[in-house]
PDB file of N, CA and C in Angstrom:
ATOM      1  N   MET A   1     144.116 108.942  49.986  1.00  0.00           N
ATOM      2  CA  MET A   1     143.095 107.944  50.186  1.00  0.00           C
ATOM      3  C   MET A   1     142.866 107.122  48.924  1.00  0.00           C
ATOM      4  N   VAL A   2     142.763 107.756  47.788  1.00  0.00           N
ATOM      5  CA  VAL A   2     142.528 107.055  46.533  1.00  0.00           C
ATOM      6  C   VAL A   2     143.707 106.152  46.201  1.00  0.00           C
ATOM      7  N   ILE A   3     144.904 106.610  46.438  1.00  0.00           N
ATOM      8  CA  ILE A   3     146.090 105.817  46.139  1.00  0.00           C
ATOM      9  C   ILE A   3     146.112 104.534  46.955  1.00  0.00           C
ATOM     10  N   SER A   4     145.787 104.626  48.211  1.00  0.00           N
ATOM     11  CA  SER A   4     145.804 103.417  49.038  1.00  0.00           C
ATOM     12  C   SER A   4     144.715 102.434  48.610  1.00  0.00           C
ATOM     13  N   LEU A   5     143.570 102.930  48.159  1.00  0.00           N
ATOM     14  CA  LEU A   5     142.519 102.030  47.673  1.00  0.00           C
ATOM     15  C   LEU A   5     142.950 101.329  46.400  1.00  0.00           C
ATOM     16  N   LEU A   6     143.583 102.056  45.490  1.00  0.00           N
ATOM     17  CA  LEU A   6     144.063 101.448  44.262  1.00  0.00           C
ATOM     18  C   LEU A   6     145.138 100.408  44.555  1.00  0.00           C
ATOM     19  N   ALA A   7     146.017 100.704  45.460  1.00  0.00           N
ATOM     20  CA  ALA A   7     147.062  99.737  45.813  1.00  0.00           C
ATOM     21  C   ALA A   7     146.437  98.495  46.423  1.00  0.00           C
ATOM     22  N   ALA A   8     145.433  98.682  47.248  1.00  0.00           N
ATOM     23  CA  ALA A   8     144.772  97.528  47.855  1.00  0.00           C
ATOM     24  C   ALA A   8     144.073  96.693  46.795  1.00  0.00           C
ATOM     25  N   CYS A   9     143.468  97.329  45.794  1.00  0.00           N
ATOM     26  CA  CYS A   9     142.808  96.586  44.721  1.00  0.00           C
ATOM     27  C   CYS A   9     143.820  95.788  43.927  1.00  0.00           C
ATOM     28  N   ASP A  10     144.956  96.394  43.608  1.00  0.00           N
ATOM     29  CA  ASP A  10     145.994  95.681  42.864  1.00  0.00           C
ATOM     30  C   ASP A  10     146.495  94.472  43.640  1.00  0.00           C
ATOM     31  N   GLN A  11     146.683  94.623  44.937  1.00  0.00           N
ATOM     32  CA  GLN A  11     147.207  93.519  45.728  1.00  0.00           C
ATOM     33  C   GLN A  11     146.207  92.382  45.823  1.00  0.00           C
ATOM     34  N   SER A  12     144.913  92.683  45.858  1.00  0.00           N
ATOM     35  CA  SER A  12     143.920  91.617  45.977  1.00  0.00           C
ATOM     36  C   SER A  12     143.830  90.780  44.706  1.00  0.00           C
ATOM     37  N   LYS A  13     144.229  91.339  43.560  1.00  0.00           N
ATOM     38  CA  LYS A  13     144.200  90.586  42.311  1.00  0.00           C
ATOM     39  C   LYS A  13     145.462  89.762  42.100  1.00  0.00           C
ATOM     40  N   SER A  14     146.464  89.999  42.889  1.00  0.00           N
ATOM     41  CA  SER A  14     147.741  89.311  42.714  1.00  0.00           C
ATOM     42  C   SER A  14     147.602  87.839  43.076  1.00  0.00           C
ATOM     43  N   PRO A  15     148.039  86.897  42.157  1.00  0.00           N
ATOM     44  CA  PRO A  15     147.925  85.478  42.453  1.00  0.00           C
ATOM     45  C   PRO A  15     148.761  85.054  43.652  1.00  0.00           C
ATOM     46  N   SER A  16     149.839  85.784  43.934  1.00  0.00           N
ATOM     47  CA  SER A  16     150.686  85.407  45.060  1.00  0.00           C
ATOM     48  C   SER A  16     149.978  85.616  46.396  1.00  0.00           C
ATOM     49  N   ASN A  17     148.926  86.466  46.412  1.00  0.00           N
ATOM     50  CA  ASN A  17     148.190  86.692  47.651  1.00  0.00           C
ATOM     51  C   ASN A  17     147.175  85.596  47.936  1.00  0.00           C
ATOM     52  N   SER A  18     146.820  84.785  46.947  1.00  0.00           N
ATOM     53  CA  SER A  18     145.811  83.760  47.163  1.00  0.00           C
ATOM     54  C   SER A  18     146.346  82.604  48.008  1.00  0.00           C
ATOM     55  N   VAL A  19     147.623  82.313  47.913  1.00  0.00           N
ATOM     56  CA  VAL A  19     148.248  81.265  48.725  1.00  0.00           C
ATOM     57  C   VAL A  19     149.533  81.841  49.312  1.00  0.00           C
ATOM     58  N   PRO A  20     149.662  81.826  50.619  1.00  0.00           N
ATOM     59  CA  PRO A  20     150.895  82.351  51.209  1.00  0.00           C
ATOM     60  C   PRO A  20     152.118  81.623  50.654  1.00  0.00           C
ATOM     61  N   ALA A  21     153.211  82.365  50.494  1.00  0.00           N
ATOM     62  CA  ALA A  21     154.426  81.798  49.911  1.00  0.00           C
ATOM     63  C   ALA A  21     154.900  80.577  50.690  1.00  0.00           C
ATOM     64  N   SER A  22     154.809  80.619  52.002  1.00  0.00           N
ATOM     65  CA  SER A  22     155.281  79.481  52.793  1.00  0.00           C
ATOM     66  C   SER A  22     154.412  78.248  52.564  1.00  0.00           C
ATOM     67  N   ALA A  23     153.098  78.427  52.398  1.00  0.00           N
ATOM     68  CA  ALA A  23     152.203  77.288  52.131  1.00  0.00           C
ATOM     69  C   ALA A  23     152.488  76.699  50.755  1.00  0.00           C
ATOM     70  N   ALA A  24     152.724  77.558  49.762  1.00  0.00           N
ATOM     71  CA  ALA A  24     153.054  77.079  48.419  1.00  0.00           C
ATOM     72  C   ALA A  24     154.371  76.315  48.437  1.00  0.00           C
ATOM     73  N   GLN A  25     155.365  76.844  49.130  1.00  0.00           N
ATOM     74  CA  GLN A  25     156.665  76.176  49.230  1.00  0.00           C
ATOM     75  C   GLN A  25     156.533  74.850  49.975  1.00  0.00           C
ATOM     76  N   ASP A  26     155.719  74.815  51.021  1.00  0.00           N
ATOM     77  CA  ASP A  26     155.498  73.573  51.763  1.00  0.00           C
ATOM     78  C   ASP A  26     154.871  72.514  50.868  1.00  0.00           C
ATOM     79  N   GLY A  27     153.928  72.910  50.002  1.00  0.00           N
ATOM     80  CA  GLY A  27     153.300  71.976  49.066  1.00  0.00           C
ATOM     81  C   GLY A  27     154.287  71.420  48.065  1.00  0.00           C
ATOM     82  N   ARG A  28     155.175  72.277  47.576  1.00  0.00           N
ATOM     83  CA  ARG A  28     156.212  71.835  46.632  1.00  0.00           C
ATOM     84  C   ARG A  28     157.139  70.819  47.296  1.00  0.00           C
ATOM     85  N   ILE A  29     157.598  71.143  48.490  1.00  0.00           N
ATOM     86  CA  ILE A  29     158.523  70.253  49.205  1.00  0.00           C
ATOM     87  C   ILE A  29     157.839  68.925  49.531  1.00  0.00           C
ATOM     88  N   ALA A  30     156.577  68.972  49.941  1.00  0.00           N
ATOM     89  CA  ALA A  30     155.847  67.739  50.258  1.00  0.00           C
ATOM     90  C   ALA A  30     155.743  66.838  49.024  1.00  0.00           C
ATOM     91  N   LEU A  31     155.441  67.415  47.864  1.00  0.00           N
ATOM     92  CA  LEU A  31     155.362  66.612  46.640  1.00  0.00           C
ATOM     93  C   LEU A  31     156.715  66.016  46.288  1.00  0.00           C
ATOM     94  N   LEU A  32     157.778  66.807  46.385  1.00  0.00           N
ATOM     95  CA  LEU A  32     159.109  66.304  46.072  1.00  0.00           C
ATOM     96  C   LEU A  32     159.519  65.172  47.020  1.00  0.00           C
ATOM     97  N   LYS A  33     159.148  65.275  48.271  1.00  0.00           N
ATOM     98  CA  LYS A  33     159.438  64.193  49.220  1.00  0.00           C
ATOM     99  C   LYS A  33     158.577  62.965  48.931  1.00  0.00           C
ATOM    100  N   ASP A  34     157.329  63.189  48.508  1.00  0.00           N
ATOM    101  CA  ASP A  34     156.450  62.067  48.163  1.00  0.00           C
ATOM    102  C   ASP A  34     156.995  61.231  47.008  1.00  0.00           C
ATOM    103  N   ILE A  35     157.583  61.890  45.996  1.00  0.00           N
ATOM    104  CA  ILE A  35     158.085  61.138  44.848  1.00  0.00           C
ATOM    105  C   ILE A  35     159.482  60.584  45.088  1.00  0.00           C
ATOM    106  N   SER A  36     160.126  60.996  46.187  1.00  0.00           N
ATOM    107  CA  SER A  36     161.450  60.461  46.509  1.00  0.00           C
ATOM    108  C   SER A  36     161.326  58.997  46.906  1.00  0.00           C
ATOM    109  N   GLY A  37     162.214  58.191  46.386  1.00  0.00           N
ATOM    110  CA  GLY A  37     162.203  56.768  46.717  1.00  0.00           C
ATOM    111  C   GLY A  37     162.746  55.956  45.565  1.00  0.00           C
ATOM    112  N   VAL A  38     162.636  54.659  45.690  1.00  0.00           N
ATOM    113  CA  VAL A  38     163.078  53.741  44.643  1.00  0.00           C
ATOM    114  C   VAL A  38     161.829  53.243  43.927  1.00  0.00           C
ATOM    115  N   TRP A  39     161.817  53.387  42.607  1.00  0.00           N
ATOM    116  CA  TRP A  39     160.653  53.071  41.794  1.00  0.00           C
ATOM    117  C   TRP A  39     161.021  52.054  40.729  1.00  0.00           C
ATOM    118  N   THR A  40     160.087  51.191  40.396  1.00  0.00           N
ATOM    119  CA  THR A  40     160.300  50.202  39.340  1.00  0.00           C
ATOM    120  C   THR A  40     159.190  50.339  38.305  1.00  0.00           C
ATOM    121  N   PRO A  41     159.546  50.374  37.016  1.00  0.00           N
ATOM    122  CA  PRO A  41     158.516  50.500  35.981  1.00  0.00           C
ATOM    123  C   PRO A  41     157.790  49.165  35.785  1.00  0.00           C
ATOM    124  N   THR A  42     156.549  49.236  35.331  1.00  0.00           N
ATOM    125  CA  THR A  42     155.784  48.022  35.100  1.00  0.00           C
ATOM    126  C   THR A  42     156.090  47.396  33.746  1.00  0.00           C
ATOM    127  N   ALA A  43     156.590  48.175  32.778  1.00  0.00           N
ATOM    128  CA  ALA A  43     156.790  47.671  31.417  1.00  0.00           C
ATOM    129  C   ALA A  43     158.241  47.325  31.085  1.00  0.00           C
ATOM    130  N   THR A  44     159.188  47.822  31.854  1.00  0.00           N
ATOM    131  CA  THR A  44     160.593  47.571  31.549  1.00  0.00           C
ATOM    132  C   THR A  44     161.328  47.177  32.831  1.00  0.00           C
ATOM    133  N   PRO A  45     162.441  46.447  32.698  1.00  0.00           N
ATOM    134  CA  PRO A  45     163.192  46.065  33.907  1.00  0.00           C
ATOM    135  C   PRO A  45     164.023  47.227  34.438  1.00  0.00           C
ATOM    136  N   GLY A  46     164.416  47.147  35.700  1.00  0.00           N
ATOM    137  CA  GLY A  46     165.309  48.140  36.279  1.00  0.00           C
ATOM    138  C   GLY A  46     164.646  48.948  37.378  1.00  0.00           C
ATOM    139  N   LEU A  47     165.466  49.735  38.026  1.00  0.00           N
ATOM    140  CA  LEU A  47     165.016  50.604  39.106  1.00  0.00           C
ATOM    141  C   LEU A  47     165.413  52.037  38.812  1.00  0.00           C
ATOM    142  N   THR A  48     164.602  52.960  39.264  1.00  0.00           N
ATOM    143  CA  THR A  48     164.927  54.389  39.199  1.00  0.00           C
ATOM    144  C   THR A  48     164.808  54.944  40.600  1.00  0.00           C
ATOM    145  N   THR A  49     165.835  55.675  41.019  1.00  0.00           N
ATOM    146  CA  THR A  49     165.829  56.299  42.337  1.00  0.00           C
ATOM    147  C   THR A  49     165.678  57.800  42.156  1.00  0.00           C
ATOM    148  N   ILE A  50     164.729  58.355  42.874  1.00  0.00           N
ATOM    149  CA  ILE A  50     164.510  59.802  42.891  1.00  0.00           C
ATOM    150  C   ILE A  50     164.763  60.253  44.317  1.00  0.00           C
ATOM    151  N   TYR A  51     165.611  61.274  44.469  1.00  0.00           N
ATOM    152  CA  TYR A  51     165.965  61.730  45.813  1.00  0.00           C
ATOM    153  C   TYR A  51     165.977  63.250  45.841  1.00  0.00           C
ATOM    154  N   TYR A  52     165.199  63.819  46.755  1.00  0.00           N
ATOM    155  CA  TYR A  52     165.175  65.270  46.943  1.00  0.00           C
ATOM    156  C   TYR A  52     165.610  65.588  48.362  1.00  0.00           C
ATOM    157  N   ALA A  53     166.620  66.433  48.485  1.00  0.00           N
ATOM    158  CA  ALA A  53     167.085  66.915  49.787  1.00  0.00           C
ATOM    159  C   ALA A  53     167.895  68.186  49.572  1.00  0.00           C
ATOM    160  N   ASP A  54     167.871  69.050  50.551  1.00  0.00           N
ATOM    161  CA  ASP A  54     168.665  70.279  50.530  1.00  0.00           C
ATOM    162  C   ASP A  54     168.460  71.082  49.255  1.00  0.00           C
ATOM    163  N   ASN A  55     167.181  71.171  48.821  1.00  0.00           N
ATOM    164  CA  ASN A  55     166.828  71.965  47.641  1.00  0.00           C
ATOM    165  C   ASN A  55     167.475  71.436  46.361  1.00  0.00           C
ATOM    166  N   ARG A  56     167.739  70.143  46.314  1.00  0.00           N
ATOM    167  CA  ARG A  56     168.415  69.522  45.176  1.00  0.00           C
ATOM    168  C   ARG A  56     167.736  68.209  44.823  1.00  0.00           C
ATOM    169  N   LEU A  57     167.560  67.944  43.531  1.00  0.00           N
ATOM    170  CA  LEU A  57     166.953  66.712  43.060  1.00  0.00           C
ATOM    171  C   LEU A  57     168.016  65.858  42.382  1.00  0.00           C
ATOM    172  N   GLN A  58     168.006  64.576  42.687  1.00  0.00           N
ATOM    173  CA  GLN A  58     168.903  63.619  42.048  1.00  0.00           C
ATOM    174  C   GLN A  58     168.062  62.457  41.531  1.00  0.00           C
ATOM    175  N   ILE A  59     168.397  61.969  40.328  1.00  0.00           N
ATOM    176  CA  ILE A  59     167.729  60.806  39.757  1.00  0.00           C
ATOM    177  C   ILE A  59     168.797  59.843  39.259  1.00  0.00           C
ATOM    178  N   LEU A  60     168.638  58.575  39.620  1.00  0.00           N
ATOM    179  CA  LEU A  60     169.522  57.520  39.141  1.00  0.00           C
ATOM    180  C   LEU A  60     168.689  56.482  38.413  1.00  0.00           C
ATOM    181  N   GLN A  61     169.159  56.049  37.248  1.00  0.00           N
ATOM    182  CA  GLN A  61     168.570  54.910  36.558  1.00  0.00           C
ATOM    183  C   GLN A  61     169.534  53.766  36.771  1.00  0.00           C
ATOM    184  N   GLY A  62     169.116  52.790  37.567  1.00  0.00           N
ATOM    185  CA  GLY A  62     170.051  51.757  37.991  1.00  0.00           C
ATOM    186  C   GLY A  62     171.104  52.426  38.851  1.00  0.00           C
ATOM    187  N   ASP A  63     172.365  52.281  38.450  1.00  0.00           N
ATOM    188  CA  ASP A  63     173.465  52.932  39.169  1.00  0.00           C
ATOM    189  C   ASP A  63     173.949  54.193  38.468  1.00  0.00           C
ATOM    190  N   THR A  64     173.289  54.586  37.377  1.00  0.00           N
ATOM    191  CA  THR A  64     173.745  55.716  36.567  1.00  0.00           C
ATOM    192  C   THR A  64     172.997  56.989  36.934  1.00  0.00           C
ATOM    193  N   PRO A  65     173.722  58.008  37.450  1.00  0.00           N
ATOM    194  CA  PRO A  65     173.057  59.281  37.756  1.00  0.00           C
ATOM    195  C   PRO A  65     172.719  60.036  36.469  1.00  0.00           C
ATOM    196  N   LEU A  66     171.552  60.667  36.454  1.00  0.00           N
ATOM    197  CA  LEU A  66     171.160  61.520  35.337  1.00  0.00           C
ATOM    198  C   LEU A  66     171.494  62.962  35.689  1.00  0.00           C
ATOM    199  N   ALA A  67     171.955  63.707  34.699  1.00  0.00           N
ATOM    200  CA  ALA A  67     172.199  65.136  34.899  1.00  0.00           C
ATOM    201  C   ALA A  67     170.848  65.836  34.821  1.00  0.00           C
ATOM    202  N   VAL A  68     170.340  66.283  35.957  1.00  0.00           N
ATOM    203  CA  VAL A  68     169.014  66.900  36.005  1.00  0.00           C
ATOM    204  C   VAL A  68     169.038  68.178  36.826  1.00  0.00           C
ATOM    205  N   THR A  69     168.116  69.064  36.487  1.00  0.00           N
ATOM    206  CA  THR A  69     167.838  70.224  37.324  1.00  0.00           C
ATOM    207  C   THR A  69     166.329  70.277  37.519  1.00  0.00           C
ATOM    208  N   LEU A  70     165.920  70.788  38.637  1.00  0.00           N
ATOM    209  CA  LEU A  70     164.512  70.857  38.981  1.00  0.00           C
ATOM    210  C   LEU A  70     163.833  71.971  38.207  1.00  0.00           C
ATOM    211  N   GLY A  71     162.698  71.652  37.591  1.00  0.00           N
ATOM    212  CA  GLY A  71     161.895  72.635  36.874  1.00  0.00           C
ATOM    213  C   GLY A  71     160.670  73.004  37.705  1.00  0.00           C
ATOM    214  N   ASP A  72     159.559  73.212  37.039  1.00  0.00           N
ATOM    215  CA  ASP A  72     158.319  73.595  37.715  1.00  0.00           C
ATOM    216  C   ASP A  72     157.778  72.448  38.564  1.00  0.00           C
ATOM    217  N   VAL A  73     157.273  72.789  39.736  1.00  0.00           N
ATOM    218  CA  VAL A  73     156.633  71.828  40.631  1.00  0.00           C
ATOM    219  C   VAL A  73     155.223  72.343  40.888  1.00  0.00           C
ATOM    220  N   ASP A  74     154.224  71.517  40.592  1.00  0.00           N
ATOM    221  CA  ASP A  74     152.829  71.915  40.758  1.00  0.00           C
ATOM    222  C   ASP A  74     152.130  70.929  41.688  1.00  0.00           C
ATOM    223  N   PRO A  75     152.089  71.239  42.991  1.00  0.00           N
ATOM    224  CA  PRO A  75     151.450  70.317  43.935  1.00  0.00           C
ATOM    225  C   PRO A  75     149.971  70.093  43.650  1.00  0.00           C
ATOM    226  N   GLY A  76     149.276  71.086  43.119  1.00  0.00           N
ATOM    227  CA  GLY A  76     147.856  70.939  42.814  1.00  0.00           C
ATOM    228  C   GLY A  76     147.596  69.884  41.750  1.00  0.00           C
ATOM    229  N   GLU A  77     148.463  69.821  40.763  1.00  0.00           N
ATOM    230  CA  GLU A  77     148.342  68.831  39.690  1.00  0.00           C
ATOM    231  C   GLU A  77     149.164  67.577  39.983  1.00  0.00           C
ATOM    232  N   GLY A  78     150.016  67.641  41.007  1.00  0.00           N
ATOM    233  CA  GLY A  78     150.856  66.486  41.340  1.00  0.00           C
ATOM    234  C   GLY A  78     151.947  66.232  40.321  1.00  0.00           C
ATOM    235  N   THR A  79     152.484  67.307  39.717  1.00  0.00           N
ATOM    236  CA  THR A  79     153.513  67.135  38.692  1.00  0.00           C
ATOM    237  C   THR A  79     154.821  67.826  39.079  1.00  0.00           C
ATOM    238  N   VAL A  80     155.905  67.201  38.641  1.00  0.00           N
ATOM    239  CA  VAL A  80     157.245  67.752  38.812  1.00  0.00           C
ATOM    240  C   VAL A  80     157.919  67.692  37.448  1.00  0.00           C
ATOM    241  N   ASN A  81     158.393  68.827  36.953  1.00  0.00           N
ATOM    242  CA  ASN A  81     159.148  68.865  35.704  1.00  0.00           C
ATOM    243  C   ASN A  81     160.634  68.854  36.036  1.00  0.00           C
ATOM    244  N   VAL A  82     161.361  68.061  35.261  1.00  0.00           N
ATOM    245  CA  VAL A  82     162.794  67.906  35.449  1.00  0.00           C
ATOM    246  C   VAL A  82     163.471  68.210  34.121  1.00  0.00           C
ATOM    247  N   ASN A  83     164.467  69.086  34.147  1.00  0.00           N
ATOM    248  CA  ASN A  83     165.223  69.429  32.948  1.00  0.00           C
ATOM    249  C   ASN A  83     166.421  68.501  32.839  1.00  0.00           C
ATOM    250  N   THR A  84     166.633  67.929  31.645  1.00  0.00           N
ATOM    251  CA  THR A  84     167.744  67.016  31.430  1.00  0.00           C
ATOM    252  C   THR A  84     168.149  67.061  29.960  1.00  0.00           C
ATOM    253  N   VAL A  85     169.119  66.264  29.597  1.00  0.00           N
ATOM    254  CA  VAL A  85     169.544  66.130  28.204  1.00  0.00           C
ATOM    255  C   VAL A  85     169.431  64.653  27.840  1.00  0.00           C
ATOM    256  N   ALA A  86     168.700  64.362  26.754  1.00  0.00           N
ATOM    257  CA  ALA A  86     168.541  62.991  26.265  1.00  0.00           C
ATOM    258  C   ALA A  86     168.912  62.956  24.792  1.00  0.00           C
ATOM    259  N   ARG A  87     169.808  62.070  24.427  1.00  0.00           N
ATOM    260  CA  ARG A  87     170.255  61.919  23.039  1.00  0.00           C
ATOM    261  C   ARG A  87     170.758  63.236  22.457  1.00  0.00           C
ATOM    262  N   GLY A  88     171.471  64.001  23.284  1.00  0.00           N
ATOM    263  CA  GLY A  88     172.062  65.255  22.840  1.00  0.00           C
ATOM    264  C   GLY A  88     171.120  66.443  22.768  1.00  0.00           C
ATOM    265  N   LYS A  89     169.865  66.258  23.184  1.00  0.00           N
ATOM    266  CA  LYS A  89     168.897  67.352  23.128  1.00  0.00           C
ATOM    267  C   LYS A  89     168.342  67.621  24.514  1.00  0.00           C
ATOM    268  N   GLU A  90     168.096  68.908  24.785  1.00  0.00           N
ATOM    269  CA  GLU A  90     167.464  69.268  26.055  1.00  0.00           C
ATOM    270  C   GLU A  90     166.052  68.705  26.084  1.00  0.00           C
ATOM    271  N   GLU A  91     165.651  68.236  27.245  1.00  0.00           N
ATOM    272  CA  GLU A  91     164.344  67.613  27.380  1.00  0.00           C
ATOM    273  C   GLU A  91     163.756  67.952  28.742  1.00  0.00           C
ATOM    274  N   ILE A  92     162.453  68.049  28.785  1.00  0.00           N
ATOM    275  CA  ILE A  92     161.747  68.205  30.051  1.00  0.00           C
ATOM    276  C   ILE A  92     161.011  66.904  30.334  1.00  0.00           C
ATOM    277  N   LEU A  93     161.352  66.278  31.442  1.00  0.00           N
ATOM    278  CA  LEU A  93     160.655  65.081  31.891  1.00  0.00           C
ATOM    279  C   LEU A  93     159.567  65.521  32.858  1.00  0.00           C
ATOM    280  N   THR A  94     158.400  64.939  32.755  1.00  0.00           N
ATOM    281  CA  THR A  94     157.327  65.242  33.685  1.00  0.00           C
ATOM    282  C   THR A  94     157.016  64.005  34.500  1.00  0.00           C
ATOM    283  N   ILE A  95     157.108  64.158  35.811  1.00  0.00           N
ATOM    284  CA  ILE A  95     156.776  63.088  36.744  1.00  0.00           C
ATOM    285  C   ILE A  95     155.434  63.457  37.357  1.00  0.00           C
ATOM    286  N   ARG A  96     154.466  62.532  37.279  1.00  0.00           N
ATOM    287  CA  ARG A  96     153.124  62.801  37.791  1.00  0.00           C
ATOM    288  C   ARG A  96     152.766  61.779  38.863  1.00  0.00           C
ATOM    289  N   LYS A  97     152.305  62.282  39.988  1.00  0.00           N
ATOM    290  CA  LYS A  97     151.816  61.440  41.084  1.00  0.00           C
ATOM    291  C   LYS A  97     150.369  61.081  40.774  1.00  0.00           C
ATOM    292  N   GLN A  98     150.064  59.761  40.682  1.00  0.00           N
ATOM    293  CA  GLN A  98     148.729  59.310  40.323  1.00  0.00           C
ATOM    294  C   GLN A  98     148.148  58.462  41.448  1.00  0.00           C
ATOM    295  N   TRP A  99     147.065  58.957  42.028  1.00  0.00           N
ATOM    296  CA  TRP A  99     146.396  58.256  43.131  1.00  0.00           C
ATOM    297  C   TRP A  99     145.506  57.145  42.595  1.00  0.00           C
ATOM    298  N   ASN A 100     145.332  56.095  43.404  1.00  0.00           N
ATOM    299  CA  ASN A 100     144.352  55.064  43.062  1.00  0.00           C
ATOM    300  C   ASN A 100     142.951  55.610  43.319  1.00  0.00           C
ATOM    301  N   THR A 101     141.922  54.832  42.993  1.00  0.00           N
ATOM    302  CA  THR A 101     140.546  55.344  43.053  1.00  0.00           C
ATOM    303  C   THR A 101     140.099  55.729  44.455  1.00  0.00           C
ATOM    304  N   ASP A 102     140.555  55.007  45.479  1.00  0.00           N
ATOM    305  CA  ASP A 102     140.121  55.366  46.837  1.00  0.00           C
ATOM    306  C   ASP A 102     141.122  56.268  47.562  1.00  0.00           C
ATOM    307  N   HIS A 103     142.123  56.761  46.820  1.00  0.00           N
ATOM    308  CA  HIS A 103     143.079  57.753  47.333  1.00  0.00           C
ATOM    309  C   HIS A 103     143.869  57.242  48.549  1.00  0.00           C
ATOM    310  N   THR A 104     144.205  55.946  48.537  1.00  0.00           N
ATOM    311  CA  THR A 104     144.976  55.367  49.640  1.00  0.00           C
ATOM    312  C   THR A 104     146.416  55.075  49.261  1.00  0.00           C
ATOM    313  N   ALA A 105     146.715  55.059  47.975  1.00  0.00           N
ATOM    314  CA  ALA A 105     148.079  54.788  47.502  1.00  0.00           C
ATOM    315  C   ALA A 105     148.270  55.480  46.156  1.00  0.00           C
ATOM    316  N   TYR A 106     149.516  55.648  45.772  1.00  0.00           N
ATOM    317  CA  TYR A 106     149.791  56.294  44.499  1.00  0.00           C
ATOM    318  C   TYR A 106     150.981  55.641  43.807  1.00  0.00           C
ATOM    319  N   ASN A 107     151.022  55.812  42.489  1.00  0.00           N
ATOM    320  CA  ASN A 107     152.134  55.416  41.640  1.00  0.00           C
ATOM    321  C   ASN A 107     152.606  56.669  40.926  1.00  0.00           C
ATOM    322  N   LEU A 108     153.636  56.519  40.119  1.00  0.00           N
ATOM    323  CA  LEU A 108     154.118  57.631  39.311  1.00  0.00           C
ATOM    324  C   LEU A 108     153.977  57.288  37.841  1.00  0.00           C
ATOM    325  N   SER A 109     153.749  58.296  37.043  1.00  0.00           N
ATOM    326  CA  SER A 109     153.910  58.155  35.595  1.00  0.00           C
ATOM    327  C   SER A 109     154.954  59.184  35.191  1.00  0.00           C
ATOM    328  N   MET A 110     155.735  58.832  34.198  1.00  0.00           N
ATOM    329  CA  MET A 110     156.795  59.731  33.738  1.00  0.00           C
ATOM    330  C   MET A 110     156.712  59.838  32.224  1.00  0.00           C
ATOM    331  N   THR A 111     156.867  61.057  31.723  1.00  0.00           N
ATOM    332  CA  THR A 111     156.896  61.266  30.288  1.00  0.00           C
ATOM    333  C   THR A 111     158.246  61.828  29.898  1.00  0.00           C
ATOM    334  N   GLY A 112     158.699  61.444  28.732  1.00  0.00           N
ATOM    335  CA  GLY A 112     159.991  61.877  28.222  1.00  0.00           C
ATOM    336  C   GLY A 112     160.592  60.754  27.393  1.00  0.00           C
ATOM    337  N   GLN A 113     161.635  61.050  26.644  1.00  0.00           N
ATOM    338  CA  GLN A 113     162.238  60.066  25.749  1.00  0.00           C
ATOM    339  C   GLN A 113     162.873  58.898  26.499  1.00  0.00           C
ATOM    340  N   ARG A 114     163.226  59.089  27.755  1.00  0.00           N
ATOM    341  CA  ARG A 114     163.899  58.036  28.511  1.00  0.00           C
ATOM    342  C   ARG A 114     162.962  56.906  28.918  1.00  0.00           C
ATOM    343  N   TRP A 115     161.652  57.158  28.920  1.00  0.00           N
ATOM    344  CA  TRP A 115     160.703  56.170  29.415  1.00  0.00           C
ATOM    345  C   TRP A 115     159.638  55.871  28.380  1.00  0.00           C
ATOM    346  N   LEU A 116     159.039  54.688  28.500  1.00  0.00           N
ATOM    347  CA  LEU A 116     157.965  54.295  27.594  1.00  0.00           C
ATOM    348  C   LEU A 116     156.697  55.080  27.911  1.00  0.00           C
ATOM    349  N   PRO A 117     155.981  55.537  26.892  1.00  0.00           N
ATOM    350  CA  PRO A 117     154.732  56.248  27.149  1.00  0.00           C
ATOM    351  C   PRO A 117     153.728  55.328  27.847  1.00  0.00           C
ATOM    352  N   GLY A 118     153.026  55.867  28.820  1.00  0.00           N
ATOM    353  CA  GLY A 118     152.009  55.110  29.520  1.00  0.00           C
ATOM    354  C   GLY A 118     152.520  54.143  30.571  1.00  0.00           C
ATOM    355  N   ASP A 119     153.834  54.067  30.750  1.00  0.00           N
ATOM    356  CA  ASP A 119     154.391  53.171  31.761  1.00  0.00           C
ATOM    357  C   ASP A 119     154.067  53.721  33.148  1.00  0.00           C
ATOM    358  N   THR A 120     153.767  52.831  34.073  1.00  0.00           N
ATOM    359  CA  THR A 120     153.496  53.200  35.454  1.00  0.00           C
ATOM    360  C   THR A 120     154.674  52.764  36.302  1.00  0.00           C
ATOM    361  N   TRP A 121     154.987  53.561  37.309  1.00  0.00           N
ATOM    362  CA  TRP A 121     156.111  53.269  38.185  1.00  0.00           C
ATOM    363  C   TRP A 121     155.578  52.971  39.573  1.00  0.00           C
ATOM    364  N   LEU A 122     155.972  51.814  40.090  1.00  0.00           N
ATOM    365  CA  LEU A 122     155.547  51.370  41.409  1.00  0.00           C
ATOM    366  C   LEU A 122     156.677  51.574  42.403  1.00  0.00           C
ATOM    367  N   ARG A 123     156.343  51.919  43.628  1.00  0.00           N
ATOM    368  CA  ARG A 123     157.368  52.114  44.653  1.00  0.00           C
ATOM    369  C   ARG A 123     157.988  50.761  44.988  1.00  0.00           C
ATOM    370  N   ALA A 124     159.307  50.680  44.866  1.00  0.00           N
ATOM    371  CA  ALA A 124     160.022  49.442  45.183  1.00  0.00           C
ATOM    372  C   ALA A 124     160.331  49.389  46.666  1.00  0.00           C
ATOM    373  N   SER A 125     160.641  50.545  47.242  1.00  0.00           N
ATOM    374  CA  SER A 125     160.867  50.660  48.689  1.00  0.00           C
ATOM    375  C   SER A 125     160.684  52.115  49.057  1.00  0.00           C
ATOM    376  N   SER A 126     160.533  52.378  50.329  1.00  0.00           N
ATOM    377  CA  SER A 126     160.356  53.773  50.743  1.00  0.00           C
ATOM    378  C   SER A 126     161.536  54.193  51.595  1.00  0.00           C
ATOM    379  N   GLN A 127     161.791  55.498  51.560  1.00  0.00           N
ATOM    380  CA  GLN A 127     162.857  56.045  52.381  1.00  0.00           C
ATOM    381  C   GLN A 127     162.239  56.563  53.668  1.00  0.00           C
ATOM    382  N   GLN A 128     162.677  56.092  54.766  1.00  0.00           N
ATOM    383  CA  GLN A 128     162.145  56.522  56.055  1.00  0.00           C
ATOM    384  C   GLN A 128     163.123  57.421  56.750  1.00  0.00           C
TER     385      GLN A 128
END
């Protein structure tokens, strides 16, 4: 009896029990699909394409594919970390989904050596 109570106490403290794994995975996939599309920066010319499908992320700057792997995805914060190499060094790019004040539309901000700090990315077109 005591053993089962202790096991139940341990399980209730586990962070994985607060959100079912399928709900957490659904949130990650929804965010990755939300950021998928063609984006244009407000401060520099060009287009960036972000595409997520089949558990794989692809990013193109213009026509040039970037070598990237998917890092941490946090749907609660609206952030996606992407691992890449810039100027010969490993780098983590952070893509953040930023809602407007009335929560009807969003843009992206990206941090990393490849982009200007504070630049906002507007959706150029959507993938349907």
